[in-house]
PDB file of N, CA and C in Angstrom:
ATOM      1  N   MET A   1      22.789 -56.677 226.588  1.00  0.00           N
ATOM      2  CA  MET A   1      23.857 -56.704 225.792  1.00  0.00           C
ATOM      3  C   MET A   1      23.499 -56.622 224.238  1.00  0.00           C
ATOM      4  N   TYR A   2      24.322 -55.901 223.674  1.00  0.00           N
ATOM      5  CA  TYR A   2      24.048 -55.712 222.261  1.00  0.00           C
ATOM      6  C   TYR A   2      25.209 -56.445 221.496  1.00  0.00           C
ATOM      7  N   VAL A   3      24.629 -57.118 220.222  1.00  0.00           N
ATOM      8  CA  VAL A   3      25.643 -57.862 219.311  1.00  0.00           C
ATOM      9  C   VAL A   3      25.313 -57.131 218.174  1.00  0.00           C
ATOM     10  N   LYS A   4      26.544 -56.909 217.650  1.00  0.00           N
ATOM     11  CA  LYS A   4      26.694 -56.177 216.271  1.00  0.00           C
ATOM     12  C   LYS A   4      26.502 -57.256 215.061  1.00  0.00           C
ATOM     13  N   ASN A   5      25.574 -56.898 214.414  1.00  0.00           N
ATOM     14  CA  ASN A   5      25.441 -57.662 213.100  1.00  0.00           C
ATOM     15  C   ASN A   5      26.402 -57.171 212.096  1.00  0.00           C
ATOM     16  N   LYS A   6      27.211 -58.070 211.448  1.00  0.00           N
ATOM     17  CA  LYS A   6      28.303 -57.922 210.524  1.00  0.00           C
ATOM     18  C   LYS A   6      27.723 -57.695 209.399  1.00  0.00           C
ATOM     19  N   PHE A   7      26.672 -58.010 208.579  1.00  0.00           N
ATOM     20  CA  PHE A   7      26.236 -57.532 207.587  1.00  0.00           C
ATOM     21  C   PHE A   7      25.684 -56.294 207.285  1.00  0.00           C
ATOM     22  N   ALA A   8      24.734 -55.752 208.072  1.00  0.00           N
ATOM     23  CA  ALA A   8      24.094 -54.732 208.039  1.00  0.00           C
ATOM     24  C   ALA A   8      24.658 -53.671 209.048  1.00  0.00           C
ATOM     25  N   GLY A   9      25.421 -53.835 209.782  1.00  0.00           N
ATOM     26  CA  GLY A   9      26.185 -52.749 210.829  1.00  0.00           C
ATOM     27  C   GLY A   9      25.110 -52.182 211.749  1.00  0.00           C
ATOM     28  N   VAL A  10      23.883 -53.052 212.146  1.00  0.00           N
ATOM     29  CA  VAL A  10      23.141 -52.670 213.071  1.00  0.00           C
ATOM     30  C   VAL A  10      23.089 -53.128 214.147  1.00  0.00           C
ATOM     31  N   TYR A  11      22.884 -52.717 215.327  1.00  0.00           N
ATOM     32  CA  TYR A  11      23.261 -53.221 216.665  1.00  0.00           C
ATOM     33  C   TYR A  11      21.698 -53.720 217.241  1.00  0.00           C
ATOM     34  N   MET A  12      21.720 -54.902 217.835  1.00  0.00           N
ATOM     35  CA  MET A  12      20.466 -55.682 218.132  1.00  0.00           C
ATOM     36  C   MET A  12      20.581 -56.285 219.519  1.00  0.00           C
ATOM     37  N   GLU A  13      19.608 -56.313 220.441  1.00  0.00           N
ATOM     38  CA  GLU A  13      19.809 -57.076 221.712  1.00  0.00           C
ATOM     39  C   GLU A  13      19.752 -58.708 221.191  1.00  0.00           C
ATOM     40  N   GLU A  14      20.249 -59.195 222.312  1.00  0.00           N
ATOM     41  CA  GLU A  14      20.515 -60.736 222.066  1.00  0.00           C
ATOM     42  C   GLU A  14      19.077 -61.527 221.833  1.00  0.00           C
ATOM     43  N   LYS A  15      18.240 -60.853 222.678  1.00  0.00           N
ATOM     44  CA  LYS A  15      16.644 -61.533 222.668  1.00  0.00           C
ATOM     45  C   LYS A  15      16.124 -61.258 221.255  1.00  0.00           C
ATOM     46  N   ASN A  16      16.315 -60.304 220.685  1.00  0.00           N
ATOM     47  CA  ASN A  16      15.951 -59.892 219.186  1.00  0.00           C
ATOM     48  C   ASN A  16      16.670 -61.008 218.500  1.00  0.00           C
ATOM     49  N   VAL A  17      17.770 -61.290 218.320  1.00  0.00           N
ATOM     50  CA  VAL A  17      18.544 -62.039 217.389  1.00  0.00           C
ATOM     51  C   VAL A  17      17.764 -63.454 217.838  1.00  0.00           C
ATOM     52  N   PHE A  18      17.585 -63.866 219.000  1.00  0.00           N
ATOM     53  CA  PHE A  18      17.019 -65.164 219.119  1.00  0.00           C
ATOM     54  C   PHE A  18      15.541 -65.194 218.472  1.00  0.00           C
ATOM     55  N   ILE A  19      14.873 -63.997 218.633  1.00  0.00           N
ATOM     56  CA  ILE A  19      13.522 -64.186 218.079  1.00  0.00           C
ATOM     57  C   ILE A  19      13.631 -64.312 216.512  1.00  0.00           C
ATOM     58  N   ILE A  20      14.639 -63.407 216.069  1.00  0.00           N
ATOM     59  CA  ILE A  20      14.660 -63.528 214.403  1.00  0.00           C
ATOM     60  C   ILE A  20      15.046 -64.899 213.982  1.00  0.00           C
ATOM     61  N   MET A  21      15.769 -65.726 214.888  1.00  0.00           N
ATOM     62  CA  MET A  21      16.307 -67.086 214.502  1.00  0.00           C
ATOM     63  C   MET A  21      15.191 -67.879 214.786  1.00  0.00           C
ATOM     64  N   ILE A  22      14.281 -67.805 215.558  1.00  0.00           N
ATOM     65  CA  ILE A  22      13.195 -68.656 215.811  1.00  0.00           C
ATOM     66  C   ILE A  22      12.206 -68.254 214.584  1.00  0.00           C
ATOM     67  N   GLY A  23      12.087 -67.169 214.227  1.00  0.00           N
ATOM     68  CA  GLY A  23      11.230 -66.722 213.032  1.00  0.00           C
ATOM     69  C   GLY A  23      11.810 -67.592 211.769  1.00  0.00           C
ATOM     70  N   ILE A  24      13.068 -67.487 211.569  1.00  0.00           N
ATOM     71  CA  ILE A  24      13.676 -67.992 210.443  1.00  0.00           C
ATOM     72  C   ILE A  24      13.152 -69.601 210.307  1.00  0.00           C
ATOM     73  N   CYS A  25      13.612 -70.287 211.547  1.00  0.00           N
ATOM     74  CA  CYS A  25      13.375 -71.540 211.749  1.00  0.00           C
ATOM     75  C   CYS A  25      11.824 -72.126 211.257  1.00  0.00           C
ATOM     76  N   GLY A  26      10.747 -71.241 211.838  1.00  0.00           N
ATOM     77  CA  GLY A  26       9.479 -71.458 211.547  1.00  0.00           C
ATOM     78  C   GLY A  26       9.157 -71.137 210.219  1.00  0.00           C
ATOM     79  N   LEU A  27       9.958 -70.185 209.549  1.00  0.00           N
ATOM     80  CA  LEU A  27       9.742 -70.073 208.116  1.00  0.00           C
ATOM     81  C   LEU A  27      10.002 -71.245 207.202  1.00  0.00           C
ATOM     82  N   VAL A  28      11.133 -71.618 207.717  1.00  0.00           N
ATOM     83  CA  VAL A  28      11.715 -73.021 207.089  1.00  0.00           C
ATOM     84  C   VAL A  28      10.635 -74.054 207.033  1.00  0.00           C
ATOM     85  N   LEU A  29      10.313 -74.303 208.323  1.00  0.00           N
ATOM     86  CA  LEU A  29       9.106 -75.471 208.543  1.00  0.00           C
ATOM     87  C   LEU A  29       7.921 -75.096 207.579  1.00  0.00           C
ATOM     88  N   LEU A  30       7.447 -74.054 207.732  1.00  0.00           N
ATOM     89  CA  LEU A  30       6.252 -73.678 207.178  1.00  0.00           C
ATOM     90  C   LEU A  30       6.417 -73.851 205.580  1.00  0.00           C
ATOM     91  N   ILE A  31       7.484 -73.499 205.123  1.00  0.00           N
ATOM     92  CA  ILE A  31       7.922 -73.728 203.716  1.00  0.00           C
ATOM     93  C   ILE A  31       7.813 -75.452 203.422  1.00  0.00           C
ATOM     94  N   GLY A  32       8.540 -76.148 204.203  1.00  0.00           N
ATOM     95  CA  GLY A  32       8.554 -77.700 204.266  1.00  0.00           C
ATOM     96  C   GLY A  32       7.077 -78.176 204.269  1.00  0.00           C
ATOM     97  N   LEU A  33       6.277 -77.496 205.063  1.00  0.00           N
ATOM     98  CA  LEU A  33       4.629 -78.199 205.024  1.00  0.00           C
ATOM     99  C   LEU A  33       4.257 -77.616 203.916  1.00  0.00           C
ATOM    100  N   LEU A  34       4.287 -76.650 203.610  1.00  0.00           N
ATOM    101  CA  LEU A  34       3.471 -76.118 202.040  1.00  0.00           C
ATOM    102  C   LEU A  34       3.914 -77.092 200.962  1.00  0.00           C
ATOM    103  N   LYS A  35       5.082 -77.472 201.203  1.00  0.00           N
ATOM    104  CA  LYS A  35       5.792 -78.255 199.864  1.00  0.00           C
ATOM    105  C   LYS A  35       4.974 -79.724 199.884  1.00  0.00           C
ATOM    106  N   GLN A  36       4.678 -80.380 201.061  1.00  0.00           N
ATOM    107  CA  GLN A  36       4.163 -81.582 201.212  1.00  0.00           C
ATOM    108  C   GLN A  36       2.540 -81.178 200.834  1.00  0.00           C
ATOM    109  N   LYS A  37       2.074 -80.109 201.126  1.00  0.00           N
ATOM    110  CA  LYS A  37       0.675 -79.634 200.864  1.00  0.00           C
ATOM    111  C   LYS A  37       0.482 -79.550 199.295  1.00  0.00           C
ATOM    112  N   ALA A  38       1.389 -79.025 198.784  1.00  0.00           N
ATOM    113  CA  ALA A  38       1.483 -78.522 197.293  1.00  0.00           C
ATOM    114  C   ALA A  38       1.590 -80.074 196.342  1.00  0.00           C
ATOM    115  N   ALA A  39       2.128 -80.996 196.911  1.00  0.00           N
ATOM    116  CA  ALA A  39       2.260 -82.281 196.325  1.00  0.00           C
ATOM    117  C   ALA A  39       0.836 -83.051 196.299  1.00  0.00           C
ATOM    118  N   ILE A  40       0.130 -82.957 197.488  1.00  0.00           N
ATOM    119  CA  ILE A  40      -1.079 -83.256 197.551  1.00  0.00           C
ATOM    120  C   ILE A  40      -2.141 -82.770 196.617  1.00  0.00           C
ATOM    121  N   VAL A  41      -2.128 -81.321 196.487  1.00  0.00           N
ATOM    122  CA  VAL A  41      -2.671 -80.496 195.705  1.00  0.00           C
ATOM    123  C   VAL A  41      -2.518 -80.934 194.268  1.00  0.00           C
ATOM    124  N   LEU A  42      -1.353 -81.010 193.792  1.00  0.00           N
ATOM    125  CA  LEU A  42      -0.722 -81.338 192.576  1.00  0.00           C
ATOM    126  C   LEU A  42      -1.432 -82.758 192.002  1.00  0.00           C
ATOM    127  N   ASN A  43      -1.400 -83.787 193.040  1.00  0.00           N
ATOM    128  CA  ASN A  43      -1.969 -85.029 192.826  1.00  0.00           C
ATOM    129  C   ASN A  43      -3.448 -84.971 192.437  1.00  0.00           C
ATOM    130  N   ILE A  44      -3.999 -84.266 193.329  1.00  0.00           N
ATOM    131  CA  ILE A  44      -5.579 -84.153 193.077  1.00  0.00           C
ATOM    132  C   ILE A  44      -6.015 -83.507 191.722  1.00  0.00           C
ATOM    133  N   VAL A  45      -4.978 -82.362 191.302  1.00  0.00           N
ATOM    134  CA  VAL A  45      -5.179 -81.720 189.962  1.00  0.00           C
ATOM    135  C   VAL A  45      -4.912 -82.763 188.782  1.00  0.00           C
ATOM    136  N   VAL A  46      -3.836 -83.523 189.109  1.00  0.00           N
ATOM    137  CA  VAL A  46      -3.476 -84.390 187.863  1.00  0.00           C
ATOM    138  C   VAL A  46      -4.706 -85.533 187.777  1.00  0.00           C
ATOM    139  N   ARG A  47      -5.299 -85.990 188.900  1.00  0.00           N
ATOM    140  CA  ARG A  47      -6.308 -87.009 188.891  1.00  0.00           C
ATOM    141  C   ARG A  47      -7.556 -86.383 188.172  1.00  0.00           C
ATOM    142  N   THR A  48      -7.807 -85.197 188.416  1.00  0.00           N
ATOM    143  CA  THR A  48      -8.907 -84.480 187.953  1.00  0.00           C
ATOM    144  C   THR A  48      -8.885 -84.422 186.478  1.00  0.00           C
ATOM    145  N   ILE A  49      -7.601 -83.948 185.874  1.00  0.00           N
ATOM    146  CA  ILE A  49      -7.273 -83.677 184.425  1.00  0.00           C
ATOM    147  C   ILE A  49      -7.539 -85.030 183.927  1.00  0.00           C
ATOM    148  N   VAL A  50      -6.723 -86.001 184.322  1.00  0.00           N
ATOM    149  CA  VAL A  50      -6.798 -87.493 183.801  1.00  0.00           C
ATOM    150  C   VAL A  50      -8.201 -88.068 183.607  1.00  0.00           C
ATOM    151  N   GLY A  51      -9.084 -87.650 184.805  1.00  0.00           N
ATOM    152  CA  GLY A  51     -10.408 -88.280 184.897  1.00  0.00           C
ATOM    153  C   GLY A  51     -11.212 -87.458 183.977  1.00  0.00           C
ATOM    154  N   CYS A  52     -11.037 -86.102 183.681  1.00  0.00           N
ATOM    155  CA  CYS A  52     -11.818 -85.511 182.605  1.00  0.00           C
ATOM    156  C   CYS A  52     -11.429 -86.026 181.198  1.00  0.00           C
ATOM    157  N   VAL A  53     -10.176 -86.286 181.066  1.00  0.00           N
ATOM    158  CA  VAL A  53      -9.991 -87.074 179.732  1.00  0.00           C
ATOM    159  C   VAL A  53     -10.665 -88.384 179.519  1.00  0.00           C
ATOM    160  N   GLY A  54     -10.478 -89.069 180.690  1.00  0.00           N
ATOM    161  CA  GLY A  54     -11.145 -90.540 180.484  1.00  0.00           C
ATOM    162  C   GLY A  54     -12.839 -90.474 180.429  1.00  0.00           C
ATOM    163  N   ILE A  55     -13.295 -89.362 180.885  1.00  0.00           N
ATOM    164  CA  ILE A  55     -14.700 -89.198 180.915  1.00  0.00           C
ATOM    165  C   ILE A  55     -15.075 -88.823 179.286  1.00  0.00           C
ATOM    166  N   ILE A  56     -14.271 -88.193 178.625  1.00  0.00           N
ATOM    167  CA  ILE A  56     -14.504 -87.759 177.146  1.00  0.00           C
ATOM    168  C   ILE A  56     -14.386 -88.948 176.408  1.00  0.00           C
ATOM    169  N   LEU A  57     -13.159 -89.638 176.754  1.00  0.00           N
ATOM    170  CA  LEU A  57     -12.794 -90.741 175.868  1.00  0.00           C
ATOM    171  C   LEU A  57     -14.031 -91.936 176.064  1.00  0.00           C
ATOM    172  N   LEU A  58     -14.306 -92.309 177.266  1.00  0.00           N
ATOM    173  CA  LEU A  58     -15.336 -93.377 177.522  1.00  0.00           C
ATOM    174  C   LEU A  58     -16.630 -92.911 177.098  1.00  0.00           C
ATOM    175  N   ASN A  59     -16.941 -91.599 177.223  1.00  0.00           N
ATOM    176  CA  ASN A  59     -18.511 -91.276 176.501  1.00  0.00           C
ATOM    177  C   ASN A  59     -18.328 -91.431 175.093  1.00  0.00           C
ATOM    178  N   ASP A  60     -17.415 -91.039 174.526  1.00  0.00           N
ATOM    179  CA  ASP A  60     -17.297 -91.232 172.913  1.00  0.00           C
ATOM    180  C   ASP A  60     -17.273 -92.749 172.717  1.00  0.00           C
ATOM    181  N   PHE A  61     -16.571 -93.568 173.426  1.00  0.00           N
ATOM    182  CA  PHE A  61     -16.461 -94.983 173.001  1.00  0.00           C
ATOM    183  C   PHE A  61     -17.921 -95.654 173.266  1.00  0.00           C
ATOM    184  N   LEU A  62     -18.496 -95.149 174.511  1.00  0.00           N
ATOM    185  CA  LEU A  62     -19.879 -95.848 174.579  1.00  0.00           C
ATOM    186  C   LEU A  62     -20.801 -95.210 173.628  1.00  0.00           C
ATOM    187  N   GLN A  63     -20.813 -94.228 173.107  1.00  0.00           N
ATOM    188  CA  GLN A  63     -21.777 -93.615 172.086  1.00  0.00           C
ATOM    189  C   GLN A  63     -21.486 -94.396 170.846  1.00  0.00           C
ATOM    190  N   LYS A  64     -20.337 -94.741 170.548  1.00  0.00           N
ATOM    191  CA  LYS A  64     -19.663 -95.369 169.320  1.00  0.00           C
ATOM    192  C   LYS A  64     -20.570 -96.781 169.337  1.00  0.00           C
ATOM    193  N   GLN A  65     -20.673 -97.355 170.459  1.00  0.00           N
ATOM    194  CA  GLN A  65     -21.052 -98.675 170.717  1.00  0.00           C
ATOM    195  C   GLN A  65     -22.641 -98.845 170.817  1.00  0.00           C
ATOM    196  N   GLY A  66     -23.162 -97.682 171.006  1.00  0.00           N
ATOM    197  CA  GLY A  66     -24.556 -97.582 170.911  1.00  0.00           C
ATOM    198  C   GLY A  66     -25.259 -97.698 172.453  1.00  0.00           C
ATOM    199  N   ILE A  67     -24.476 -97.501 173.412  1.00  0.00           N
ATOM    200  CA  ILE A  67     -24.783 -97.625 174.809  1.00  0.00           C
ATOM    201  C   ILE A  67     -25.224 -96.202 175.285  1.00  0.00           C
ATOM    202  N   PRO A  68     -26.299 -96.069 175.716  1.00  0.00           N
ATOM    203  CA  PRO A  68     -26.849 -94.628 175.978  1.00  0.00           C
ATOM    204  C   PRO A  68     -26.463 -94.240 177.485  1.00  0.00           C
ATOM    205  N   VAL A  69     -25.165 -94.241 177.832  1.00  0.00           N
ATOM    206  CA  VAL A  69     -24.574 -93.930 178.958  1.00  0.00           C
ATOM    207  C   VAL A  69     -23.732 -92.678 178.730  1.00  0.00           C
ATOM    208  N   SER A  70     -23.887 -91.548 179.664  1.00  0.00           N
ATOM    209  CA  SER A  70     -23.045 -90.474 179.285  1.00  0.00           C
ATOM    210  C   SER A  70     -22.695 -89.754 180.695  1.00  0.00           C
ATOM    211  N   ALA A  71     -21.478 -89.714 180.952  1.00  0.00           N
ATOM    212  CA  ALA A  71     -21.535 -88.795 182.358  1.00  0.00           C
ATOM    213  C   ALA A  71     -20.988 -87.387 181.889  1.00  0.00           C
ATOM    214  N   GLY A  72     -21.465 -86.411 182.735  1.00  0.00           N
ATOM    215  CA  GLY A  72     -21.169 -84.943 182.336  1.00  0.00           C
ATOM    216  C   GLY A  72     -19.814 -84.440 182.992  1.00  0.00           C
ATOM    217  N   LEU A  73     -19.404 -83.673 182.446  1.00  0.00           N
ATOM    218  CA  LEU A  73     -18.339 -82.776 183.135  1.00  0.00           C
ATOM    219  C   LEU A  73     -18.769 -81.584 183.871  1.00  0.00           C
ATOM    220  N   ASN A  74     -19.270 -81.992 185.107  1.00  0.00           N
ATOM    221  CA  ASN A  74     -19.715 -80.981 186.090  1.00  0.00           C
ATOM    222  C   ASN A  74     -18.770 -81.166 187.322  1.00  0.00           C
ATOM    223  N   PRO A  75     -18.880 -79.804 188.236  1.00  0.00           N
ATOM    224  CA  PRO A  75     -17.947 -79.766 189.200  1.00  0.00           C
ATOM    225  C   PRO A  75     -18.024 -81.130 190.190  1.00  0.00           C
ATOM    226  N   LEU A  76     -19.250 -81.589 190.419  1.00  0.00           N
ATOM    227  CA  LEU A  76     -19.172 -82.566 191.150  1.00  0.00           C
ATOM    228  C   LEU A  76     -18.672 -83.979 190.788  1.00  0.00           C
ATOM    229  N   ASN A  77     -18.649 -84.310 189.323  1.00  0.00           N
ATOM    230  CA  ASN A  77     -18.160 -85.416 188.935  1.00  0.00           C
ATOM    231  C   ASN A  77     -16.524 -85.155 188.928  1.00  0.00           C
ATOM    232  N   LEU A  78     -16.136 -84.000 188.561  1.00  0.00           N
ATOM    233  CA  LEU A  78     -14.743 -83.798 188.506  1.00  0.00           C
ATOM    234  C   LEU A  78     -14.062 -83.800 190.232  1.00  0.00           C
ATOM    235  N   LEU A  79     -14.791 -83.161 191.172  1.00  0.00           N
ATOM    236  CA  LEU A  79     -14.390 -83.333 192.411  1.00  0.00           C
ATOM    237  C   LEU A  79     -14.330 -84.650 192.975  1.00  0.00           C
ATOM    238  N   THR A  80     -15.509 -85.615 192.615  1.00  0.00           N
ATOM    239  CA  THR A  80     -15.378 -87.153 192.947  1.00  0.00           C
ATOM    240  C   THR A  80     -14.083 -87.729 192.225  1.00  0.00           C
ATOM    241  N   ILE A  81     -13.776 -87.355 191.005  1.00  0.00           N
ATOM    242  CA  ILE A  81     -12.660 -88.184 190.336  1.00  0.00           C
ATOM    243  C   ILE A  81     -11.440 -87.613 191.078  1.00  0.00           C
ATOM    244  N   GLY A  82     -11.320 -86.481 191.240  1.00  0.00           N
ATOM    245  CA  GLY A  82     -10.224 -85.704 191.896  1.00  0.00           C
ATOM    246  C   GLY A  82      -9.744 -86.272 193.170  1.00  0.00           C
ATOM    247  N   SER A  83     -10.628 -86.327 193.998  1.00  0.00           N
ATOM    248  CA  SER A  83     -10.624 -86.855 195.248  1.00  0.00           C
ATOM    249  C   SER A  83     -10.401 -88.549 195.450  1.00  0.00           C
ATOM    250  N   LEU A  84     -11.175 -89.228 194.673  1.00  0.00           N
ATOM    251  CA  LEU A  84     -11.147 -90.597 194.878  1.00  0.00           C
ATOM    252  C   LEU A  84     -10.297 -91.246 193.753  1.00  0.00           C
ATOM    253  N   GLY A  85     -10.084 -90.639 192.741  1.00  0.00           N
ATOM    254  CA  GLY A  85      -9.229 -91.210 191.438  1.00  0.00           C
ATOM    255  C   GLY A  85      -9.893 -92.337 190.632  1.00  0.00           C
ATOM    256  N   THR A  86      -9.255 -93.302 190.562  1.00  0.00           N
ATOM    257  CA  THR A  86      -9.931 -94.468 189.724  1.00  0.00           C
ATOM    258  C   THR A  86     -11.197 -94.882 190.243  1.00  0.00           C
ATOM    259  N   SER A  87     -11.293 -95.067 191.438  1.00  0.00           N
ATOM    260  CA  SER A  87     -12.455 -95.482 192.165  1.00  0.00           C
ATOM    261  C   SER A  87     -13.782 -94.613 191.923  1.00  0.00           C
ATOM    262  N   GLY A  88     -13.414 -93.270 191.984  1.00  0.00           N
ATOM    263  CA  GLY A  88     -14.420 -92.205 191.839  1.00  0.00           C
ATOM    264  C   GLY A  88     -14.886 -92.272 190.455  1.00  0.00           C
ATOM    265  N   PHE A  89     -14.076 -92.503 189.408  1.00  0.00           N
ATOM    266  CA  PHE A  89     -14.381 -92.722 187.866  1.00  0.00           C
ATOM    267  C   PHE A  89     -15.127 -93.902 187.834  1.00  0.00           C
ATOM    268  N   ALA A  90     -14.975 -95.286 188.473  1.00  0.00           N
ATOM    269  CA  ALA A  90     -15.941 -96.152 188.409  1.00  0.00           C
ATOM    270  C   ALA A  90     -17.105 -96.069 189.207  1.00  0.00           C
ATOM    271  N   LEU A  91     -17.160 -95.140 190.305  1.00  0.00           N
ATOM    272  CA  LEU A  91     -18.486 -94.947 190.811  1.00  0.00           C
ATOM    273  C   LEU A  91     -19.321 -94.238 190.049  1.00  0.00           C
ATOM    274  N   ILE A  92     -18.845 -93.396 189.440  1.00  0.00           N
ATOM    275  CA  ILE A  92     -19.467 -92.348 188.531  1.00  0.00           C
ATOM    276  C   ILE A  92     -20.379 -93.286 187.415  1.00  0.00           C
ATOM    277  N   TYR A  93     -19.463 -94.109 186.625  1.00  0.00           N
ATOM    278  CA  TYR A  93     -20.215 -94.967 185.587  1.00  0.00           C
ATOM    279  C   TYR A  93     -20.765 -96.203 186.223  1.00  0.00           C
ATOM    280  N   GLY A  94     -20.670 -96.410 187.338  1.00  0.00           N
ATOM    281  CA  GLY A  94     -21.254 -97.832 188.196  1.00  0.00           C
ATOM    282  C   GLY A  94     -22.646 -97.063 188.326  1.00  0.00           C
ATOM    283  N   ILE A  95     -22.805 -96.038 188.813  1.00  0.00           N
ATOM    284  CA  ILE A  95     -24.046 -95.341 189.037  1.00  0.00           C
ATOM    285  C   ILE A  95     -25.145 -95.173 187.844  1.00  0.00           C
ATOM    286  N   LEU A  96     -24.274 -94.757 186.710  1.00  0.00           N
ATOM    287  CA  LEU A  96     -24.998 -94.469 185.389  1.00  0.00           C
ATOM    288  C   LEU A  96     -25.407 -95.927 184.828  1.00  0.00           C
ATOM    289  N   PHE A  97     -24.622 -96.833 185.020  1.00  0.00           N
ATOM    290  CA  PHE A  97     -24.987 -98.297 184.461  1.00  0.00           C
ATOM    291  C   PHE A  97     -26.238 -98.665 185.370  1.00  0.00           C
ATOM    292  N   TYR A  98     -26.198 -98.385 186.520  1.00  0.00           N
ATOM    293  CA  TYR A  98     -27.168 -98.847 187.570  1.00  0.00           C
ATOM    294  C   TYR A  98     -28.470 -98.278 187.148  1.00  0.00           C
ATOM    295  N   THR A  99     -28.582 -97.261 186.779  1.00  0.00           N
ATOM    296  CA  THR A  99     -29.813 -96.536 186.009  1.00  0.00           C
ATOM    297  C   THR A  99     -30.244 -97.099 184.857  1.00  0.00           C
ATOM    298  N   LEU A 100     -29.544 -97.846 184.142  1.00  0.00           N
ATOM    299  CA  LEU A 100     -30.089 -98.466 182.959  1.00  0.00           C
ATOM    300  C   LEU A 100     -30.892 -99.765 183.413  1.00  0.00           C
ATOM    301  N   LEU A 101     -30.531-100.285 184.424  1.00  0.00           N
ATOM    302  CA  LEU A 101     -31.271-101.683 184.754  1.00  0.00           C
ATOM    303  C   LEU A 101     -32.567-101.311 185.024  1.00  0.00           C
TER     304      LEU A 101
END
């Protein structure tokens, strides 16, 4: 049996219309899933940027105080801060202060 599409004037079978409807629903679900993933990625990016600024400021502060501790801005440190947040920041400086002992 054919169903006439009013918008395009094209004749389609009912199963094709059903398949298109399922595809559109899947697309809507995929967009919703990607939206949630985008929020997670945005959170990691924001934590990484804030951690980078924090490293720069704390390195400058420690240098002015005469404390010889300086964390580098390398991909491993940024990944640690981006994934763990504040605890990753504390972990990096905790390891550096431990090496002073």
